[in-house]
Amino acid sequence: MACIWMVAAHTSELDDNWIHAKKFDDYSINQIYTTSLYYTVATITTVGYGDISGTNVWERVIGCFLMMAGVIIFSISSGSITSIINYADESNKQFNYRME
């Protein structure tokens, strides 16, 4: 997803992307990728500090998809953890019942 965020900036016009808006023009490709990864993690984890954001329509659309993916991933993860905990609790109840 960080790569998609980088491509969004490079496919838009030179003066209308998040790289230029935040004055990252002098950054190396590694620094741009790290910044993209930072944005992606902040977006997917629903923290969203707001320091990096889309500056054109294409970047905002991609940002919306990243947010939706973050909510889906978070929901599936929390549901799975809840299911694991619930199953472990049920096993403990059965064990305690047998011991009594």
N, C-alpha and C. Protein backbone atom coordinates (compact mmCIF):
# COMPACT_ATOMS: atom_id res chain seq x y z
N MET A 1 0.82 -1.19 0.00
CA MET A 1 0.00 0.00 0.00
C MET A 1 0.86 1.26 0.00
N ALA A 2 2.03 1.16 0.61
CA ALA A 2 2.96 2.30 0.58
C ALA A 2 3.41 2.56 -0.85
N CYS A 3 3.61 1.50 -1.60
CA CYS A 3 4.01 1.66 -3.01
C CYS A 3 2.90 2.33 -3.81
N ILE A 4 1.66 1.95 -3.54
CA ILE A 4 0.52 2.57 -4.23
C ILE A 4 0.48 4.06 -3.91
N TRP A 5 0.74 4.42 -2.65
CA TRP A 5 0.74 5.82 -2.24
C TRP A 5 1.85 6.59 -2.96
N MET A 6 3.00 5.95 -3.15
CA MET A 6 4.09 6.60 -3.89
C MET A 6 3.72 6.78 -5.36
N VAL A 7 3.13 5.75 -5.96
CA VAL A 7 2.74 5.82 -7.37
C VAL A 7 1.70 6.92 -7.57
N ALA A 8 0.80 7.07 -6.63
CA ALA A 8 -0.21 8.12 -6.74
C ALA A 8 0.44 9.49 -6.86
N ALA A 9 1.49 9.70 -6.11
CA ALA A 9 2.18 11.00 -6.16
C ALA A 9 2.93 11.17 -7.48
N HIS A 10 3.53 10.10 -7.96
CA HIS A 10 4.34 10.21 -9.17
C HIS A 10 3.51 10.22 -10.46
N THR A 11 2.26 9.79 -10.40
CA THR A 11 1.43 9.82 -11.60
C THR A 11 0.67 11.14 -11.74
N SER A 12 0.61 11.93 -10.68
CA SER A 12 -0.07 13.21 -10.78
C SER A 12 0.90 14.27 -11.30
N GLU A 13 0.37 15.45 -11.53
CA GLU A 13 1.23 16.53 -12.01
C GLU A 13 2.28 16.88 -10.97
N LEU A 14 3.39 17.40 -11.41
CA LEU A 14 4.54 17.65 -10.55
C LEU A 14 4.22 18.53 -9.35
N ASP A 15 3.42 19.58 -9.56
CA ASP A 15 3.17 20.54 -8.48
C ASP A 15 1.93 20.19 -7.65
N ASP A 16 1.25 19.12 -7.99
CA ASP A 16 0.00 18.80 -7.31
C ASP A 16 0.03 17.39 -6.73
N ASN A 17 0.95 17.15 -5.81
CA ASN A 17 1.00 15.86 -5.12
C ASN A 17 1.50 16.06 -3.70
N TRP A 18 1.37 15.04 -2.89
CA TRP A 18 1.73 15.17 -1.47
C TRP A 18 3.23 15.35 -1.27
N ILE A 19 4.04 14.84 -2.18
CA ILE A 19 5.49 14.99 -2.06
C ILE A 19 5.88 16.46 -2.19
N HIS A 20 5.34 17.10 -3.20
CA HIS A 20 5.67 18.52 -3.42
C HIS A 20 5.01 19.40 -2.35
N ALA A 21 3.77 19.08 -1.97
CA ALA A 21 3.06 19.90 -0.99
C ALA A 21 3.75 19.91 0.37
N LYS A 22 4.36 18.79 0.74
CA LYS A 22 5.04 18.69 2.03
C LYS A 22 6.54 18.97 1.93
N LYS A 23 6.98 19.41 0.76
CA LYS A 23 8.38 19.78 0.52
C LYS A 23 9.35 18.60 0.69
N PHE A 24 8.94 17.43 0.17
CA PHE A 24 9.78 16.24 0.19
C PHE A 24 10.51 16.04 -1.13
N ASP A 25 10.58 17.07 -1.97
CA ASP A 25 11.18 16.95 -3.29
C ASP A 25 12.65 16.52 -3.24
N ASP A 26 13.37 16.91 -2.20
CA ASP A 26 14.79 16.60 -2.09
C ASP A 26 15.05 15.22 -1.49
N TYR A 27 14.02 14.54 -1.02
CA TYR A 27 14.19 13.24 -0.37
C TYR A 27 14.60 12.17 -1.36
N SER A 28 15.37 11.20 -0.87
CA SER A 28 15.73 10.05 -1.71
C SER A 28 14.51 9.13 -1.83
N ILE A 29 14.60 8.16 -2.74
CA ILE A 29 13.50 7.22 -2.93
C ILE A 29 13.25 6.42 -1.65
N ASN A 30 14.29 6.11 -0.89
CA ASN A 30 14.13 5.39 0.37
C ASN A 30 13.39 6.24 1.40
N GLN A 31 13.69 7.52 1.45
CA GLN A 31 13.01 8.41 2.39
C GLN A 31 11.54 8.60 1.99
N ILE A 32 11.28 8.69 0.70
CA ILE A 32 9.90 8.81 0.22
C ILE A 32 9.13 7.54 0.55
N TYR A 33 9.76 6.37 0.35
CA TYR A 33 9.09 5.11 0.67
C TYR A 33 8.81 5.01 2.18
N THR A 34 9.76 5.40 3.00
CA THR A 34 9.56 5.36 4.45
C THR A 34 8.43 6.29 4.85
N THR A 35 8.36 7.45 4.24
CA THR A 35 7.27 8.39 4.52
C THR A 35 5.94 7.81 4.05
N SER A 36 5.94 7.15 2.90
CA SER A 36 4.72 6.50 2.40
C SER A 36 4.28 5.38 3.34
N LEU A 37 5.24 4.62 3.83
CA LEU A 37 4.93 3.54 4.77
C LEU A 37 4.35 4.11 6.06
N TYR A 38 4.93 5.20 6.52
CA TYR A 38 4.43 5.88 7.72
C TYR A 38 2.98 6.31 7.52
N TYR A 39 2.68 6.94 6.37
CA TYR A 39 1.31 7.36 6.07
C TYR A 39 0.37 6.16 6.03
N THR A 40 0.80 5.09 5.39
CA THR A 40 -0.03 3.90 5.26
C THR A 40 -0.34 3.29 6.61
N VAL A 41 0.67 3.15 7.46
CA VAL A 41 0.45 2.58 8.79
C VAL A 41 -0.46 3.48 9.62
N ALA A 42 -0.24 4.78 9.57
CA ALA A 42 -1.08 5.71 10.32
C ALA A 42 -2.52 5.67 9.82
N THR A 43 -2.70 5.46 8.53
CA THR A 43 -4.05 5.40 7.96
C THR A 43 -4.73 4.08 8.28
N ILE A 44 -4.02 2.97 8.10
CA ILE A 44 -4.62 1.65 8.31
C ILE A 44 -4.95 1.43 9.79
N THR A 45 -4.12 1.92 10.68
CA THR A 45 -4.38 1.74 12.11
C THR A 45 -5.39 2.75 12.64
N THR A 46 -5.95 3.55 11.78
CA THR A 46 -6.94 4.59 12.08
C THR A 46 -6.42 5.65 13.04
N VAL A 47 -5.12 5.81 13.13
CA VAL A 47 -4.55 6.88 13.95
C VAL A 47 -4.67 8.20 13.19
N GLY A 48 -4.18 8.22 11.96
CA GLY A 48 -4.34 9.37 11.09
C GLY A 48 -3.94 10.70 11.68
N TYR A 49 -2.66 10.91 11.86
CA TYR A 49 -2.17 12.16 12.46
C TYR A 49 -2.51 13.39 11.63
N GLY A 50 -2.64 13.26 10.33
CA GLY A 50 -3.00 14.38 9.48
C GLY A 50 -1.82 15.16 8.96
N ASP A 51 -0.61 14.76 9.30
CA ASP A 51 0.56 15.49 8.81
C ASP A 51 0.83 15.21 7.34
N ILE A 52 0.42 14.06 6.85
CA ILE A 52 0.53 13.74 5.42
C ILE A 52 -0.87 13.39 4.94
N SER A 53 -1.28 14.00 3.84
CA SER A 53 -2.61 13.72 3.30
C SER A 53 -2.59 13.95 1.80
N GLY A 54 -3.62 13.47 1.15
CA GLY A 54 -3.72 13.64 -0.29
C GLY A 54 -3.98 15.09 -0.65
N THR A 55 -3.36 15.53 -1.73
CA THR A 55 -3.53 16.92 -2.14
C THR A 55 -4.31 17.05 -3.44
N ASN A 56 -4.56 15.93 -4.11
CA ASN A 56 -5.37 15.96 -5.33
C ASN A 56 -6.42 14.86 -5.23
N VAL A 57 -7.32 14.83 -6.20
CA VAL A 57 -8.44 13.89 -6.15
C VAL A 57 -7.96 12.45 -6.16
N TRP A 58 -6.99 12.12 -7.01
CA TRP A 58 -6.48 10.75 -7.12
C TRP A 58 -5.90 10.28 -5.78
N GLU A 59 -5.13 11.11 -5.12
CA GLU A 59 -4.54 10.74 -3.83
C GLU A 59 -5.62 10.59 -2.76
N ARG A 60 -6.64 11.41 -2.81
CA ARG A 60 -7.73 11.30 -1.84
C ARG A 60 -8.54 10.02 -2.05
N VAL A 61 -8.74 9.63 -3.29
CA VAL A 61 -9.45 8.37 -3.58
C VAL A 61 -8.64 7.20 -3.04
N ILE A 62 -7.35 7.20 -3.30
CA ILE A 62 -6.49 6.12 -2.78
C ILE A 62 -6.51 6.13 -1.26
N GLY A 63 -6.47 7.31 -0.64
CA GLY A 63 -6.56 7.42 0.81
C GLY A 63 -7.85 6.82 1.35
N CYS A 64 -8.96 7.03 0.65
CA CYS A 64 -10.24 6.43 1.06
C CYS A 64 -10.17 4.91 1.03
N PHE A 65 -9.57 4.36 -0.03
CA PHE A 65 -9.44 2.91 -0.11
C PHE A 65 -8.53 2.37 1.00
N LEU A 66 -7.47 3.10 1.31
CA LEU A 66 -6.59 2.69 2.40
C LEU A 66 -7.34 2.70 3.74
N MET A 67 -8.17 3.71 3.95
CA MET A 67 -8.95 3.77 5.19
C MET A 67 -9.93 2.61 5.28
N MET A 68 -10.60 2.32 4.17
CA MET A 68 -11.54 1.19 4.18
C MET A 68 -10.81 -0.12 4.41
N ALA A 69 -9.66 -0.29 3.79
CA ALA A 69 -8.86 -1.50 4.01
C ALA A 69 -8.44 -1.60 5.47
N GLY A 70 -8.09 -0.48 6.07
CA GLY A 70 -7.70 -0.47 7.48
C GLY A 70 -8.82 -0.90 8.39
N VAL A 71 -10.02 -0.41 8.13
CA VAL A 71 -11.17 -0.80 8.95
C VAL A 71 -11.46 -2.28 8.79
N ILE A 72 -11.39 -2.78 7.56
CA ILE A 72 -11.65 -4.21 7.31
C ILE A 72 -10.60 -5.07 8.00
N ILE A 73 -9.34 -4.72 7.85
CA ILE A 73 -8.27 -5.49 8.48
C ILE A 73 -8.41 -5.45 10.00
N PHE A 74 -8.70 -4.30 10.55
CA PHE A 74 -8.87 -4.17 12.00
C PHE A 74 -10.06 -4.99 12.49
N SER A 75 -11.16 -4.96 11.76
CA SER A 75 -12.35 -5.71 12.15
C SER A 75 -12.09 -7.21 12.13
N ILE A 76 -11.46 -7.69 11.08
CA ILE A 76 -11.16 -9.12 10.98
C ILE A 76 -10.21 -9.54 12.08
N SER A 77 -9.19 -8.73 12.34
CA SER A 77 -8.22 -9.05 13.39
C SER A 77 -8.86 -9.10 14.76
N SER A 78 -9.65 -8.09 15.09
CA SER A 78 -10.28 -8.08 16.42
C SER A 78 -11.30 -9.20 16.55
N GLY A 79 -12.02 -9.53 15.48
CA GLY A 79 -12.95 -10.65 15.51
C GLY A 79 -12.25 -11.98 15.72
N SER A 80 -11.11 -12.15 15.07
CA SER A 80 -10.34 -13.38 15.24
C SER A 80 -9.81 -13.52 16.66
N ILE A 81 -9.30 -12.44 17.20
CA ILE A 81 -8.78 -12.47 18.58
C ILE A 81 -9.91 -12.78 19.56
N THR A 82 -11.06 -12.17 19.35
CA THR A 82 -12.22 -12.44 20.21
C THR A 82 -12.62 -13.90 20.13
N SER A 83 -12.62 -14.45 18.94
CA SER A 83 -12.98 -15.86 18.75
C SER A 83 -11.98 -16.78 19.45
N ILE A 84 -10.71 -16.48 19.36
CA ILE A 84 -9.67 -17.29 20.02
C ILE A 84 -9.84 -17.24 21.54
N ILE A 85 -10.07 -16.05 22.07
CA ILE A 85 -10.25 -15.91 23.52
C ILE A 85 -11.52 -16.64 23.97
N ASN A 86 -12.57 -16.51 23.22
CA ASN A 86 -13.82 -17.17 23.56
C ASN A 86 -13.66 -18.70 23.55
N TYR A 87 -12.96 -19.23 22.57
CA TYR A 87 -12.72 -20.67 22.49
C TYR A 87 -11.87 -21.14 23.66
N ALA A 88 -10.85 -20.38 24.02
CA ALA A 88 -10.00 -20.76 25.15
C ALA A 88 -10.79 -20.73 26.44
N ASP A 89 -11.67 -19.75 26.60
CA ASP A 89 -12.49 -19.66 27.80
C ASP A 89 -13.45 -20.84 27.89
N GLU A 90 -14.01 -21.25 26.78
CA GLU A 90 -14.92 -22.40 26.76
C GLU A 90 -14.19 -23.68 27.13
N SER A 91 -12.97 -23.84 26.65
CA SER A 91 -12.17 -25.02 26.99
C SER A 91 -11.88 -25.05 28.49
N ASN A 92 -11.57 -23.91 29.08
CA ASN A 92 -11.31 -23.82 30.51
C ASN A 92 -12.56 -24.16 31.33
N LYS A 93 -13.73 -23.73 30.87
CA LYS A 93 -14.97 -24.05 31.56
C LYS A 93 -15.20 -25.56 31.57
N GLN A 94 -14.99 -26.20 30.42
CA GLN A 94 -15.17 -27.65 30.34
C GLN A 94 -14.17 -28.37 31.24
N PHE A 95 -12.94 -27.92 31.25
CA PHE A 95 -11.92 -28.54 32.10
C PHE A 95 -12.30 -28.41 33.58
N ASN A 96 -12.69 -27.22 34.00
CA ASN A 96 -13.07 -26.99 35.40
C ASN A 96 -14.30 -27.82 35.78
N TYR A 97 -15.24 -27.95 34.87
CA TYR A 97 -16.44 -28.75 35.14
C TYR A 97 -16.05 -30.20 35.38
N ARG A 98 -15.15 -30.74 34.54
CA ARG A 98 -14.70 -32.13 34.70
C ARG A 98 -13.93 -32.32 36.01
N MET A 99 -13.13 -31.34 36.38
CA MET A 99 -12.35 -31.43 37.60
C MET A 99 -13.24 -31.44 38.85
N GLU A 100 -14.33 -30.68 38.79
CA GLU A 100 -15.24 -30.64 39.92
C GLU A 100 -15.95 -31.96 40.05
